[in-house]
Amino acid sequence: MISSVVSIQVSVSPSEAFRHVVPIDLTSIFRGYGLLPAVVRTEAQTGAWEAIGQTRIVHLSDGSHAQELLTQYSQPNYFAYVVSNFSGILGFLVTAAIGEWWFENCDYSANSTLIRWSYTFTSKSLFTVPILWLVNKFLWSGYMRSVVSNVKEQLDAKALK
């Protein structure tokens, strides 16, 4: 298993951040990073992405796709999902990935939240671990920082309204 964790502080309450992030349009935050593709659309979503067991297919700009399954949903503090059935290059490296998001009060303020996101890849074999480690270290962790920065940008704009 190969993991990365990123966090960012935003100026809205945990419940407001949670309500914004969980159903977010993935194309607005996963814009691509280096060699890693952007999300271009989701389809076949079951429900409003607010209940355990709901699924969707995420399509990427390189023509690949993967399936997401919502596995945990504890409003307003936590949600988790499993990504599987990767096509494209990740299909050769990864069997699944687990994404987890936490929303916690910080600075003793009702309008300050620490958003933390972890992503853990499960490698297909011991032989793919070094490649996956390199992808994670030099690309995926930067992609994750970019994604949470995009989330912060959206929440800051929302807070100014």
Protein backbone atom coordinates (compact mmCIF):
# COMPACT_ATOMS: atom_id res chain seq x y z
CA MET A 1 0.00 0.00 0.00
CA ILE A 2 1.24 3.45 -0.96
CA SER A 3 -0.34 6.48 0.77
CA SER A 4 -0.34 10.26 0.64
CA VAL A 5 -2.02 12.77 2.94
CA VAL A 6 -2.61 16.46 2.33
CA SER A 7 -4.43 19.08 4.36
CA ILE A 8 -5.53 22.65 4.03
CA GLN A 9 -7.29 25.17 6.24
CA VAL A 10 -10.41 26.92 4.96
CA SER A 11 -12.51 29.76 6.39
CA VAL A 12 -15.88 28.02 6.58
CA SER A 13 -17.43 25.67 9.11
CA PRO A 14 -16.80 21.91 8.88
CA SER A 15 -20.43 21.30 7.91
CA GLU A 16 -20.24 23.92 5.14
CA ALA A 17 -16.96 22.47 3.84
CA PHE A 18 -18.40 18.94 3.96
CA ARG A 19 -21.59 19.97 2.14
CA HIS A 20 -19.45 21.62 -0.58
CA VAL A 21 -16.85 18.88 -1.07
CA VAL A 22 -18.89 15.67 -0.96
CA PRO A 23 -21.11 16.39 -4.00
CA ILE A 24 -18.52 18.58 -5.78
CA ASP A 25 -18.20 18.57 -9.55
CA LEU A 26 -14.95 16.61 -9.87
CA THR A 27 -14.05 18.42 -13.10
CA SER A 28 -13.76 21.67 -11.13
CA ILE A 29 -11.00 20.39 -8.81
CA PHE A 30 -9.27 17.51 -10.64
CA ARG A 31 -7.83 19.61 -13.46
CA GLY A 32 -4.82 17.45 -14.24
CA TYR A 33 -1.28 17.68 -12.92
CA GLY A 34 1.85 17.03 -14.96
CA LEU A 35 1.34 13.69 -16.69
CA LEU A 36 -1.77 12.91 -14.63
CA PRO A 37 -5.06 13.48 -16.46
CA ALA A 38 -7.97 15.71 -15.51
CA VAL A 39 -11.42 14.42 -14.68
CA VAL A 40 -13.65 15.20 -17.66
CA ARG A 41 -16.97 13.78 -16.43
CA THR A 42 -18.75 11.37 -14.16
CA GLU A 43 -21.59 9.11 -15.21
CA ALA A 44 -23.89 6.38 -13.95
CA GLN A 45 -23.99 7.94 -10.48
CA THR A 46 -26.45 6.22 -8.18
CA GLY A 47 -28.08 8.80 -5.92
CA ALA A 48 -26.88 12.20 -4.74
CA TRP A 49 -23.54 10.88 -3.41
CA GLU A 50 -24.72 10.95 0.15
CA ALA A 51 -25.24 7.33 1.15
CA ILE A 52 -22.99 4.33 1.62
CA GLY A 53 -23.13 2.02 -1.38
CA GLN A 54 -23.63 4.68 -4.05
CA THR A 55 -21.39 4.39 -7.10
CA ARG A 56 -20.26 6.40 -10.12
CA ILE A 57 -17.84 6.09 -13.01
CA VAL A 58 -15.16 8.78 -13.32
CA HIS A 59 -13.79 9.51 -16.82
CA LEU A 60 -10.35 11.07 -17.31
CA SER A 61 -8.88 13.21 -20.09
CA ASP A 62 -6.57 10.40 -21.24
CA GLY A 63 -9.60 8.22 -22.07
CA SER A 64 -9.30 6.04 -18.98
CA HIS A 65 -11.91 5.58 -16.28
CA ALA A 66 -12.48 4.07 -12.84
CA GLN A 67 -15.41 3.24 -10.59
CA GLU A 68 -15.97 4.91 -7.22
CA LEU A 69 -17.97 3.38 -4.36
CA LEU A 70 -18.96 5.52 -1.37
CA THR A 71 -18.04 3.39 1.68
CA GLN A 72 -18.39 5.81 4.61
CA TYR A 73 -20.54 8.88 5.10
CA SER A 74 -20.61 10.64 8.46
CA GLN A 75 -21.84 14.20 7.97
CA PRO A 76 -20.29 16.69 8.70
CA ASN A 77 -16.92 15.17 9.55
CA TYR A 78 -15.89 12.30 7.31
CA PHE A 79 -16.49 10.38 4.11
CA ALA A 80 -14.57 7.66 2.32
CA TYR A 81 -14.69 5.85 -0.99
CA VAL A 82 -12.99 3.03 -2.86
CA VAL A 83 -11.81 3.51 -6.43
CA SER A 84 -11.48 0.33 -8.50
CA ASN A 85 -11.73 -1.11 -11.99
CA PHE A 86 -9.06 1.25 -13.27
CA SER A 87 -8.55 1.26 -17.00
CA GLY A 88 -5.47 2.70 -18.67
CA ILE A 89 -2.01 2.60 -17.10
CA LEU A 90 -3.29 2.53 -13.51
CA GLY A 91 -5.10 -0.69 -14.31
CA PHE A 92 -1.69 -2.36 -14.63
CA LEU A 93 -0.38 -0.93 -11.35
CA VAL A 94 -3.31 -0.76 -8.94
CA THR A 95 -6.12 -3.02 -7.78
CA ALA A 96 -7.88 -0.29 -5.79
CA ALA A 97 -7.44 2.97 -3.95
CA ILE A 98 -9.09 4.31 -0.81
CA GLY A 99 -9.83 8.00 -0.49
CA GLU A 100 -10.73 9.51 2.89
CA TRP A 101 -11.70 13.10 3.74
CA TRP A 102 -11.92 14.61 7.24
CA PHE A 103 -13.37 18.01 8.19
CA GLU A 104 -12.31 19.28 11.63
CA ASN A 105 -12.74 22.55 13.50
CA CYS A 106 -9.49 24.39 14.00
CA ASP A 107 -8.35 27.55 15.75
CA TYR A 108 -11.35 27.34 18.08
CA SER A 109 -13.45 29.11 15.48
CA ALA A 110 -16.77 27.94 14.12
CA ASN A 111 -15.69 29.23 10.70
CA SER A 112 -12.32 27.57 10.38
CA THR A 113 -11.88 24.00 9.16
CA LEU A 114 -8.93 21.75 8.59
CA ILE A 115 -9.66 19.57 5.57
CA ARG A 116 -7.50 16.45 5.43
CA TRP A 117 -7.50 14.02 2.49
CA SER A 118 -5.68 10.70 2.39
CA TYR A 119 -5.37 8.44 -0.61
CA THR A 120 -4.02 4.90 -0.41
CA PHE A 121 -3.20 2.81 -3.46
CA THR A 122 -3.17 -0.99 -3.29
CA SER A 123 -0.52 -2.23 -5.69
CA LYS A 124 -1.28 -5.12 -8.04
CA SER A 125 1.97 -6.89 -7.15
CA LEU A 126 5.30 -6.46 -5.46
CA PHE A 127 6.79 -5.72 -8.87
CA THR A 128 4.63 -2.64 -9.38
CA VAL A 129 5.30 -1.15 -5.91
CA PRO A 130 8.45 0.80 -6.97
CA ILE A 131 6.67 2.32 -9.99
CA LEU A 132 3.64 3.20 -7.92
CA TRP A 133 5.87 4.68 -5.22
CA LEU A 134 7.54 6.94 -7.82
CA VAL A 135 4.18 8.01 -9.31
CA ASN A 136 2.86 8.75 -5.83
CA LYS A 137 5.94 10.66 -4.67
CA PHE A 138 6.53 12.78 -7.77
CA LEU A 139 3.05 13.19 -9.30
CA TRP A 140 0.10 12.06 -7.20
CA SER A 141 1.05 13.95 -4.02
CA GLY A 142 1.37 17.15 -6.08
CA TYR A 143 -1.97 16.44 -7.74
CA MET A 144 -3.54 16.07 -4.29
CA ARG A 145 -2.10 19.43 -3.17
CA SER A 146 -3.51 21.00 -6.34
CA VAL A 147 -6.95 19.47 -5.69
CA VAL A 148 -7.20 20.76 -2.10
CA SER A 149 -5.99 24.19 -3.28
CA ASN A 150 -8.82 24.20 -5.83
CA VAL A 151 -11.27 23.27 -3.07
CA LYS A 152 -9.95 26.12 -0.89
CA GLU A 153 -10.28 28.55 -3.79
CA GLN A 154 -13.93 27.58 -4.26
CA LEU A 155 -14.74 27.78 -0.54
CA ASP A 156 -12.97 31.14 -0.17
CA ALA A 157 -14.98 32.53 -3.10
CA LYS A 158 -18.17 31.17 -1.55
CA ALA A 159 -17.31 32.74 1.84
CA LEU A 160 -16.81 36.17 0.23
CA LYS A 161 -20.34 36.18 -1.22
